[in-house]
Amino acid sequence: DVMDASARLARTGVTSFCPTVVSSSKETYRTIIPLIRRARMWQRENRMRWQQQQRQGKQRQRQSQRQYEVGANILGMHLEGPFFAPSKRGAHDERHIRSPVHGIETVKEVYGLSSDGSEEFDDDDDDHDVPREVIEPPKPEWQDVEIITLAPELEGAFSAIASLTQKRREQPQDDDDDDEEGEGEGETHPSPLNHPIVVSMGHTSATYQDGLTALSHGATLLTHLYNAMNPFHHRDPGLVGLLSPHVELLLKKEQQPLQKQQPRPHPTQPHPTRPRPQHHRHESKPLRPFYSLIADGIHVHPTAVSLAHRAHPAGCVLVTDAMSAMGLGDGIHSLGNMSVNIEGARATLANTDVLAGSVATMERCVKNFKEFAGCDAGEALLCGTLHPARVLGRDVARTRRRKEVVVVEPPVGVLEVGAAADLILVNDELDVLGTWVGGRLAYKNDEMIAKLRA
């Protein structure tokens, strides 16, 4: 249950998350995506009711008994698959693996997304007296999706990447950069969202050159670096080689028309003015990608974690890759339609040695990363807060349109006036003492706080 997962994640210091669906059947996508939207709508309505009570001066009535209503924010979904290299599918069901041979049209057809990119999203509507599903069966919508992980070397992948990530046509500064080279050239698919999809490269046999081409088409992220991709080699660095500063030299030629624009600040530097442009992460074509790391001590060796961070510290994004069985203990659990055996901190497909996600918490991953990378607590926390927000373009206010109304979503992952009041309190050892989501207490570590007071 996604609401139960939301509450459990808040207890580990998570304030927002992207629910992930592994490679699945078409029917599963058409069922799961609307269900997650429903949960997100329920969260939003609950938050709006609470905010209205605060504006009316009502006291927080017995908040300790209402904590079950507060959990980590459910963002758009991460669709991990099914457009993977068969040899790199890992724990994903091989029956569902395929290529996006017709580019964006295949993506739409597999996920059940509408071919009409102009449809509006109704989850900001305050009037839910008549449930939408009564009027028409719920369907997957573009704005339900935040991230798509795919293998860029597959047939049709470059075209799909360009269509999913292209800039808003109405932005004048982007008019000179709409033409894409290679497979996506000449395509005119409309951007289906108020914000483009984040495309990540993963479960892939892509070469270094494949990675460069994917970056030039709009990909901005690597999914669980080192895992389910070709290893680094001195004559064929693969996708791991994209962390090198040399990548910026190779791709800067494509930035020449945009040089007159103000450069983006380094994510660890303070921003002189707010708000920044709504689509700041698309002001120019991406250079070095962000990369997600599973710092559970099992998926990636500590030395490899340190190497990646030293090569590209501003791009590091900590993820748990945790399955729904996180915190449920040893035994046989489910991942999609597959059985997973959990022993301690290791999760594998039943009767195999194939890793099947993890059961690590974000709290544990941040602690591990600080140790593995040899960095300070502040840098480790950036990799679990600001950097993930920047990947999604959520470190600035975002607009969501509904008919004639424009709804502004506040920034997350930052501490500043106007940002979402999503906060965690940690001690020097990075133990989570408390979590607030939208200004509401979602978790309080009474045992740890008592020790501090003793």
Protein backbone atom coordinates (compact mmCIF):
# COMPACT_ATOMS: atom_id res chain seq x y z
CA ASP A 1 0.00 0.00 0.00
CA VAL A 2 1.52 3.31 -1.10
CA MET A 3 0.10 5.24 1.87
CA ASP A 4 1.66 2.78 4.30
CA ALA A 5 4.97 3.11 2.43
CA SER A 6 4.64 6.90 2.62
CA ALA A 7 4.29 6.77 6.41
CA ARG A 8 7.19 4.33 6.81
CA LEU A 9 9.45 6.45 4.61
CA ALA A 10 8.78 9.53 6.74
CA ARG A 11 10.15 7.61 9.73
CA THR A 12 13.47 7.26 7.87
CA GLY A 13 13.81 10.96 7.05
CA VAL A 14 12.16 10.96 3.61
CA THR A 15 9.81 13.89 2.88
CA SER A 16 9.09 13.20 -0.84
CA PHE A 17 9.48 10.17 -3.09
CA CYS A 18 8.74 8.88 -6.57
CA PRO A 19 6.91 5.52 -6.41
CA THR A 20 8.67 3.11 -8.76
CA VAL A 21 7.04 0.50 -10.97
CA VAL A 22 9.26 -2.24 -12.37
CA SER A 23 8.84 -3.61 -15.90
CA SER A 24 5.25 -4.78 -16.10
CA SER A 25 2.42 -5.69 -18.44
CA LYS A 26 0.38 -3.02 -20.19
CA GLU A 27 -2.58 -3.89 -18.00
CA THR A 28 -0.53 -3.35 -14.84
CA TYR A 29 0.52 0.17 -15.90
CA ARG A 30 -3.08 1.06 -16.68
CA THR A 31 -4.07 -0.05 -13.18
CA ILE A 32 -1.19 1.13 -11.02
CA ILE A 33 -0.60 4.62 -12.45
CA PRO A 34 -4.17 5.87 -11.76
CA LEU A 35 -4.06 4.28 -8.28
CA ILE A 36 -0.93 6.25 -7.38
CA ARG A 37 -2.58 9.41 -8.72
CA ARG A 38 -5.54 8.78 -6.43
CA ALA A 39 -3.21 8.50 -3.43
CA ARG A 40 -1.46 11.72 -4.42
CA MET A 41 -4.82 13.52 -4.75
CA TRP A 42 -5.86 12.28 -1.31
CA GLN A 43 -2.63 13.63 0.18
CA ARG A 44 -3.14 17.00 -1.45
CA GLU A 45 -6.73 17.31 -0.28
CA ASN A 46 -5.72 16.35 3.25
CA ARG A 47 -2.97 18.99 3.21
CA MET A 48 -5.36 21.66 1.90
CA ARG A 49 -7.89 20.91 4.68
CA TRP A 50 -5.19 21.22 7.31
CA GLN A 51 -3.92 24.50 5.84
CA GLN A 52 -7.46 25.87 5.77
CA GLN A 53 -7.85 25.05 9.46
CA GLN A 54 -4.64 26.92 10.22
CA ARG A 55 -5.81 29.98 8.29
CA GLN A 56 -9.07 29.92 10.22
CA GLY A 57 -7.14 29.90 13.48
CA LYS A 58 -8.23 26.45 14.56
CA GLN A 59 -5.90 24.52 16.81
CA ARG A 60 -4.22 21.36 15.65
CA GLN A 61 -6.67 18.99 17.19
CA ARG A 62 -4.96 16.07 18.85
CA GLN A 63 -2.24 15.94 16.24
CA SER A 64 -0.59 12.92 17.85
CA GLN A 65 -3.68 10.88 16.93
CA ARG A 66 -3.67 12.20 13.36
CA GLN A 67 -0.08 11.37 12.50
CA TYR A 68 -1.24 8.44 10.43
CA GLU A 69 -2.50 11.01 7.93
CA VAL A 70 0.97 12.49 7.45
CA GLY A 71 3.56 10.76 5.29
CA ALA A 72 6.20 11.53 2.71
CA ASN A 73 4.89 13.45 -0.31
CA ILE A 74 4.00 11.23 -3.25
CA LEU A 75 5.48 12.81 -6.37
CA GLY A 76 5.17 11.61 -9.96
CA MET A 77 6.08 8.04 -10.68
CA HIS A 78 9.36 6.51 -11.76
CA LEU A 79 8.66 4.03 -14.55
CA GLU A 80 11.71 1.77 -14.44
CA GLY A 81 11.33 -0.24 -17.61
CA PRO A 82 10.33 -2.05 -19.70
CA PHE A 83 12.61 -0.50 -22.36
CA PHE A 84 15.76 -2.32 -21.27
CA ALA A 85 18.60 -4.30 -22.79
CA PRO A 86 17.62 -7.95 -22.21
CA SER A 87 21.12 -8.81 -20.98
CA LYS A 88 20.91 -6.05 -18.34
CA ARG A 89 17.36 -6.61 -17.14
CA GLY A 90 18.53 -7.70 -13.67
CA ALA A 91 15.52 -8.67 -11.56
CA HIS A 92 12.98 -7.43 -14.13
CA ASP A 93 10.66 -9.99 -15.72
CA GLU A 94 12.03 -10.84 -19.17
CA ARG A 95 8.50 -11.34 -20.53
CA HIS A 96 7.92 -7.59 -20.42
CA ILE A 97 11.26 -6.33 -21.79
CA ARG A 98 10.97 -4.58 -25.16
CA SER A 99 12.36 -1.75 -27.33
CA PRO A 100 10.67 1.60 -28.07
CA VAL A 101 10.90 0.87 -31.79
CA HIS A 102 8.45 3.64 -32.74
CA GLY A 103 9.81 6.17 -30.30
CA ILE A 104 7.26 8.15 -28.30
CA GLU A 105 4.35 6.26 -29.87
CA THR A 106 5.62 2.98 -28.38
CA VAL A 107 6.05 4.68 -25.00
CA LYS A 108 2.47 5.93 -25.09
CA GLU A 109 1.12 2.57 -26.17
CA VAL A 110 2.96 0.55 -23.48
CA TYR A 111 2.08 2.82 -20.56
CA GLY A 112 -1.42 3.59 -21.81
CA LEU A 113 -0.73 7.31 -21.93
CA SER A 114 -2.93 9.54 -24.03
CA SER A 115 -1.75 10.42 -27.53
CA ASP A 116 -3.14 13.90 -26.97
CA GLY A 117 -0.45 15.90 -25.20
CA SER A 118 -2.81 18.79 -24.52
CA GLU A 119 -4.99 17.09 -21.94
CA GLU A 120 -5.31 18.84 -18.60
CA PHE A 121 -4.73 17.34 -15.18
CA ASP A 122 -7.54 17.58 -12.65
CA ASP A 123 -5.82 16.68 -9.39
CA ASP A 124 -5.77 20.32 -8.30
CA ASP A 125 -9.54 20.59 -8.41
CA ASP A 126 -11.14 21.28 -5.05
CA ASP A 127 -14.49 19.86 -6.19
CA HIS A 128 -14.48 16.10 -5.93
CA ASP A 129 -18.17 15.62 -5.16
CA VAL A 130 -18.41 13.56 -8.34
CA PRO A 131 -15.42 11.22 -8.53
CA ARG A 132 -13.71 11.38 -11.86
CA GLU A 133 -13.80 7.59 -12.23
CA VAL A 134 -17.62 7.74 -12.12
CA ILE A 135 -17.60 9.97 -15.20
CA GLU A 136 -14.98 7.94 -17.05
CA PRO A 137 -12.59 5.10 -16.17
CA PRO A 138 -9.31 6.44 -14.78
CA LYS A 139 -6.46 6.35 -17.26
CA PRO A 140 -2.72 6.96 -16.97
CA GLU A 141 -1.85 10.59 -17.64
CA TRP A 142 1.41 12.27 -18.54
CA GLN A 143 1.49 14.29 -15.35
CA ASP A 144 1.46 11.09 -13.32
CA VAL A 145 5.02 10.41 -14.50
CA GLU A 146 8.21 12.03 -13.23
CA ILE A 147 11.02 9.74 -14.45
CA ILE A 148 11.38 7.06 -17.13
CA THR A 149 14.44 4.81 -17.09
CA LEU A 150 15.36 3.25 -20.42
CA ALA A 151 18.34 1.87 -22.34
CA PRO A 152 19.39 4.53 -24.87
CA GLU A 153 20.98 2.13 -27.35
CA LEU A 154 17.66 0.46 -28.19
CA GLU A 155 15.92 1.06 -31.49
CA GLY A 156 13.78 4.18 -31.25
CA ALA A 157 15.22 5.26 -27.89
CA PHE A 158 16.89 8.49 -29.03
CA SER A 159 13.67 9.63 -30.68
CA ALA A 160 11.70 8.80 -27.52
CA ILE A 161 14.19 10.69 -25.33
CA ALA A 162 13.97 13.79 -27.51
CA SER A 163 10.17 13.74 -27.44
CA LEU A 164 9.91 13.13 -23.69
CA THR A 165 12.40 15.79 -22.66
CA GLN A 166 12.03 18.53 -25.25
CA LYS A 167 11.71 22.11 -24.12
CA ARG A 168 8.50 24.04 -24.05
CA ARG A 169 7.82 25.37 -27.55
CA GLU A 170 6.44 28.62 -26.20
CA GLN A 171 9.73 29.55 -24.51
CA PRO A 172 11.30 32.06 -26.93
CA GLN A 173 14.86 31.38 -25.80
CA ASP A 174 14.51 27.76 -26.87
CA ASP A 175 13.32 28.36 -30.43
CA ASP A 176 16.79 28.06 -31.91
CA ASP A 177 17.41 24.73 -30.26
CA ASP A 178 14.39 22.68 -31.23
CA ASP A 179 16.20 20.75 -33.95
CA GLU A 180 17.74 17.56 -32.66
CA GLU A 181 20.45 15.70 -34.43
CA GLY A 182 20.31 12.02 -35.18
CA GLU A 183 17.30 9.81 -34.83
CA GLY A 184 14.96 12.42 -33.35
CA GLU A 185 15.58 15.00 -36.08
CA GLY A 186 12.51 16.64 -37.52
CA GLU A 187 10.07 15.23 -34.94
CA THR A 188 7.31 17.57 -33.80
CA HIS A 189 5.71 15.65 -30.95
CA PRO A 190 4.30 18.20 -28.49
CA SER A 191 5.72 18.26 -24.99
CA PRO A 192 2.97 16.43 -23.08
CA LEU A 193 3.50 18.16 -19.72
CA ASN A 194 3.86 21.50 -18.05
CA HIS A 195 7.26 20.00 -17.23
CA PRO A 196 9.14 17.52 -19.41
CA ILE A 197 9.75 13.94 -18.29
CA VAL A 198 13.14 13.20 -16.74
CA VAL A 199 14.76 10.46 -18.81
CA SER A 200 17.36 8.33 -17.07
CA MET A 201 19.71 5.80 -18.63
CA GLY A 202 19.73 2.41 -16.96
CA HIS A 203 19.57 -1.36 -17.41
CA THR A 204 21.62 -0.81 -20.51
CA SER A 205 24.51 -2.05 -22.65
CA ALA A 206 25.10 1.48 -23.93
CA THR A 207 28.56 2.60 -24.95
CA TYR A 208 30.14 5.91 -24.01
CA GLN A 209 29.10 7.32 -27.40
CA ASP A 210 25.53 6.09 -26.89
CA GLY A 211 25.53 7.99 -23.62
CA LEU A 212 26.77 11.19 -25.23
CA THR A 213 24.08 10.96 -27.88
CA ALA A 214 21.41 10.38 -25.23
CA LEU A 215 22.62 13.45 -23.34
CA SER A 216 22.39 15.55 -26.50
CA HIS A 217 18.80 14.35 -26.94
CA GLY A 218 17.81 15.35 -23.41
CA ALA A 219 18.64 12.54 -20.97
CA THR A 220 19.86 13.96 -17.65
CA LEU A 221 20.25 11.06 -15.24
CA LEU A 222 21.91 7.65 -14.78
CA THR A 223 19.92 5.05 -12.85
CA HIS A 224 21.78 3.30 -9.99
CA LEU A 225 25.30 3.98 -11.26
CA TYR A 226 27.53 0.92 -11.88
CA ASN A 227 24.62 -1.50 -11.63
CA ALA A 228 22.98 -3.01 -14.74
CA MET A 229 25.37 -1.20 -17.10
CA ASN A 230 28.71 -1.92 -18.73
CA PRO A 231 31.69 -1.47 -16.38
CA PHE A 232 34.25 1.28 -16.85
CA HIS A 233 37.13 0.31 -19.14
CA HIS A 234 40.08 2.49 -20.06
CA ARG A 235 39.35 2.08 -23.78
CA ASP A 236 35.55 2.02 -23.48
CA PRO A 237 34.46 3.98 -20.41
CA GLY A 238 30.76 3.28 -20.91
CA LEU A 239 28.15 5.36 -19.12
CA VAL A 240 30.38 5.63 -16.04
CA GLY A 241 32.70 7.72 -18.20
CA LEU A 242 30.00 10.39 -18.50
CA LEU A 243 30.97 11.59 -15.03
CA SER A 244 34.24 12.93 -16.45
CA PRO A 245 34.62 16.71 -16.92
CA HIS A 246 35.74 15.85 -20.47
CA VAL A 247 32.08 15.34 -21.33
CA GLU A 248 31.45 19.04 -20.87
CA LEU A 249 34.16 19.86 -23.40
CA LEU A 250 32.63 17.49 -25.94
CA LEU A 251 29.12 18.86 -25.57
CA LYS A 252 29.79 22.56 -25.11
CA LYS A 253 29.76 23.14 -28.84
CA GLU A 254 26.04 22.46 -28.71
CA GLN A 255 25.73 25.19 -26.08
CA GLN A 256 27.12 27.99 -28.24
CA PRO A 257 23.74 29.55 -29.13
CA LEU A 258 22.95 29.71 -25.41
CA GLN A 259 26.17 31.28 -24.17
CA LYS A 260 24.55 34.69 -23.79
CA GLN A 261 22.18 33.28 -21.22
CA GLN A 262 23.11 33.55 -17.56
CA PRO A 263 24.91 30.36 -16.51
CA ARG A 264 23.25 28.12 -13.98
CA PRO A 265 24.72 28.35 -10.46
CA HIS A 266 26.48 25.35 -8.96
CA PRO A 267 23.89 23.45 -6.88
CA THR A 268 25.97 23.88 -3.71
CA GLN A 269 26.25 27.66 -4.11
CA PRO A 270 23.61 30.05 -2.73
CA HIS A 271 21.21 31.41 -5.28
CA PRO A 272 21.27 35.23 -5.43
CA THR A 273 17.66 35.63 -6.51
CA ARG A 274 14.43 33.68 -6.30
CA PRO A 275 12.36 32.48 -7.95
CA ARG A 276 14.56 31.14 -10.71
CA PRO A 277 13.04 30.41 -14.15
CA GLN A 278 10.47 27.66 -13.92
CA HIS A 279 12.39 25.34 -16.26
CA HIS A 280 15.91 26.24 -15.18
CA ARG A 281 17.20 22.70 -15.70
CA HIS A 282 16.28 23.04 -19.38
CA GLU A 283 17.87 26.45 -19.98
CA SER A 284 20.57 24.62 -21.89
CA LYS A 285 21.17 21.09 -23.05
CA PRO A 286 22.53 18.88 -20.28
CA LEU A 287 26.25 18.41 -19.89
CA ARG A 288 27.35 15.87 -17.32
CA PRO A 289 24.36 13.89 -16.07
CA PHE A 290 23.14 13.44 -12.54
CA TYR A 291 23.61 9.88 -11.30
CA SER A 292 21.80 7.93 -8.61
CA LEU A 293 23.81 5.80 -6.19
CA ILE A 294 22.65 2.99 -3.91
CA ALA A 295 24.96 3.41 -0.93
CA ASP A 296 23.73 0.36 0.95
CA GLY A 297 27.18 -1.27 1.02
CA ILE A 298 25.94 -4.11 -1.21
CA HIS A 299 25.15 -2.66 -4.64
CA VAL A 300 28.31 -0.53 -4.89
CA HIS A 301 31.73 -0.93 -3.26
CA PRO A 302 32.69 1.98 -0.97
CA THR A 303 35.69 2.79 -3.18
CA ALA A 304 33.45 3.04 -6.25
CA VAL A 305 31.15 5.38 -4.32
CA SER A 306 34.11 7.60 -3.46
CA LEU A 307 35.39 7.62 -7.06
CA ALA A 308 32.03 8.72 -8.43
CA HIS A 309 31.62 11.47 -5.87
CA ARG A 310 35.14 12.78 -6.44
CA ALA A 311 34.58 12.85 -10.20
CA HIS A 312 31.21 14.64 -10.12
CA PRO A 313 30.08 15.69 -6.62
CA ALA A 314 27.33 18.05 -7.83
CA GLY A 315 25.64 15.22 -9.74
CA CYS A 316 25.36 12.67 -6.95
CA VAL A 317 21.82 11.64 -6.00
CA LEU A 318 21.34 9.15 -3.19
CA VAL A 319 18.58 6.60 -3.66
CA THR A 320 17.62 3.54 -1.68
CA ASP A 321 16.20 1.36 -4.48
CA ALA A 322 14.15 0.01 -1.59
CA MET A 323 11.31 -2.38 -2.25
CA SER A 324 8.04 -2.40 -0.34
CA ALA A 325 9.43 -5.00 2.07
CA MET A 326 11.80 -2.44 3.61
CA GLY A 327 11.67 -2.86 7.38
CA LEU A 328 9.60 -6.06 7.28
CA GLY A 329 12.45 -8.41 8.16
CA ASP A 330 13.88 -11.57 6.65
CA GLY A 331 11.81 -13.92 4.55
CA ILE A 332 10.11 -14.21 1.16
CA HIS A 333 8.47 -11.04 -0.11
CA SER A 334 7.04 -9.80 -3.41
CA LEU A 335 8.46 -7.47 -6.03
CA GLY A 336 5.85 -7.04 -8.73
CA ASN A 337 4.94 -10.59 -9.70
CA MET A 338 8.28 -12.00 -8.52
CA SER A 339 9.37 -13.53 -5.21
CA VAL A 340 12.30 -11.96 -3.39
CA ASN A 341 14.32 -13.46 -0.55
CA ILE A 342 15.53 -11.02 2.10
CA GLU A 343 18.40 -11.95 4.38
CA GLY A 344 19.65 -9.10 6.49
CA ALA A 345 20.42 -6.16 4.20
CA ARG A 346 20.47 -8.23 0.99
CA ALA A 347 17.45 -8.76 -1.28
CA THR A 348 17.72 -11.31 -4.11
CA LEU A 349 15.32 -13.03 -6.46
CA ALA A 350 14.21 -16.24 -4.80
CA ASN A 351 16.58 -19.16 -5.46
CA THR A 352 19.11 -16.92 -7.25
CA ASP A 353 21.94 -14.51 -6.45
CA VAL A 354 20.42 -11.71 -8.57
CA LEU A 355 20.03 -8.52 -6.54
CA ALA A 356 16.41 -7.36 -6.47
CA GLY A 357 16.44 -3.84 -5.12
CA SER A 358 17.32 -3.22 -1.50
CA VAL A 359 15.81 -2.86 1.94
CA ALA A 360 18.09 0.01 2.97
CA THR A 361 16.62 3.21 4.39
CA MET A 362 17.62 6.70 3.27
CA GLU A 363 18.92 7.31 6.78
CA ARG A 364 21.31 4.38 6.42
CA CYS A 365 22.35 5.37 2.88
CA VAL A 366 23.23 8.92 3.94
CA LYS A 367 25.32 7.62 6.84
CA ASN A 368 27.07 5.11 4.57
CA PHE A 369 27.72 7.70 1.91
CA LYS A 370 29.36 10.07 4.40
CA GLU A 371 31.69 7.25 5.43
CA PHE A 372 32.36 5.85 1.94
CA ALA A 373 32.92 9.22 0.24
CA GLY A 374 34.87 10.72 3.12
CA CYS A 375 32.76 13.88 2.93
CA ASP A 376 31.19 15.99 5.66
CA ALA A 377 27.61 15.67 6.83
CA GLY A 378 26.52 18.72 4.85
CA GLU A 379 27.66 17.28 1.53
CA ALA A 380 26.07 13.91 2.29
CA LEU A 381 22.78 15.63 3.08
CA LEU A 382 22.92 17.62 -0.17
CA CYS A 383 23.05 14.34 -2.08
CA GLY A 384 19.81 13.29 -0.41
CA THR A 385 17.97 16.64 -0.57
CA LEU A 386 18.96 19.39 -3.00
CA HIS A 387 20.46 17.21 -5.72
CA PRO A 388 17.37 14.96 -6.11
CA ALA A 389 15.18 18.06 -6.18
CA ARG A 390 17.33 19.57 -8.94
CA VAL A 391 17.06 16.43 -11.05
CA LEU A 392 13.28 16.82 -11.03
CA GLY A 393 13.35 20.59 -11.41
CA ARG A 394 11.56 20.86 -8.08
CA ASP A 395 14.09 23.06 -6.28
CA VAL A 396 12.14 26.00 -7.75
CA ALA A 397 8.43 26.74 -7.81
CA ARG A 398 6.57 24.86 -10.54
CA THR A 399 3.26 25.66 -12.17
CA ARG A 400 0.51 23.19 -12.90
CA ARG A 401 -2.28 24.27 -15.21
CA ARG A 402 -5.92 23.38 -14.97
CA LYS A 403 -8.22 25.09 -17.42
CA GLU A 404 -7.87 28.82 -16.66
CA VAL A 405 -6.20 28.31 -13.27
CA VAL A 406 -2.45 28.16 -12.66
CA VAL A 407 -1.47 26.35 -9.45
CA VAL A 408 2.02 26.95 -8.07
CA GLU A 409 3.83 24.04 -6.42
CA PRO A 410 6.42 25.32 -3.89
CA PRO A 411 10.08 24.26 -4.13
CA VAL A 412 11.28 21.20 -2.22
CA GLY A 413 14.78 20.18 -1.19
CA VAL A 414 15.68 23.74 -0.13
CA LEU A 415 15.33 25.85 3.02
CA GLU A 416 14.05 29.27 2.05
CA VAL A 417 11.01 31.52 2.27
CA GLY A 418 8.21 30.15 0.12
CA ALA A 419 9.54 26.60 -0.04
CA ALA A 420 7.58 23.60 1.19
CA ALA A 421 7.94 23.14 4.95
CA ASP A 422 9.46 19.69 4.54
CA LEU A 423 12.13 19.31 7.19
CA ILE A 424 14.10 16.70 9.08
CA LEU A 425 15.96 17.03 12.36
CA VAL A 426 19.14 14.95 12.76
CA ASN A 427 21.88 14.66 15.38
CA ASP A 428 25.63 14.65 14.76
CA GLU A 429 25.49 10.96 13.82
CA LEU A 430 22.75 11.70 11.25
CA ASP A 431 20.12 9.77 13.16
CA VAL A 432 16.66 11.06 12.26
CA LEU A 433 15.05 12.70 15.30
CA GLY A 434 12.01 14.14 13.57
CA THR A 435 10.35 14.58 10.18
CA TRP A 436 7.93 17.33 9.15
CA VAL A 437 6.02 17.22 5.88
CA GLY A 438 4.18 20.34 4.82
CA GLY A 439 4.73 21.80 8.27
CA ARG A 440 3.13 18.81 10.01
CA LEU A 441 4.95 16.42 12.29
CA ALA A 442 5.12 13.06 10.52
CA TYR A 443 7.60 11.30 12.83
CA LYS A 444 9.22 11.88 16.21
CA ASN A 445 12.01 9.66 17.50
CA ASP A 446 11.07 9.78 21.17
CA GLU A 447 13.71 7.27 22.24
CA MET A 448 16.58 9.19 20.63
CA ILE A 449 15.30 12.55 21.87
CA ALA A 450 15.07 11.18 25.43
CA LYS A 451 18.73 10.14 25.23
CA LEU A 452 19.72 13.64 24.16
CA ARG A 453 17.83 15.16 27.08
CA ALA A 454 19.30 12.73 29.61
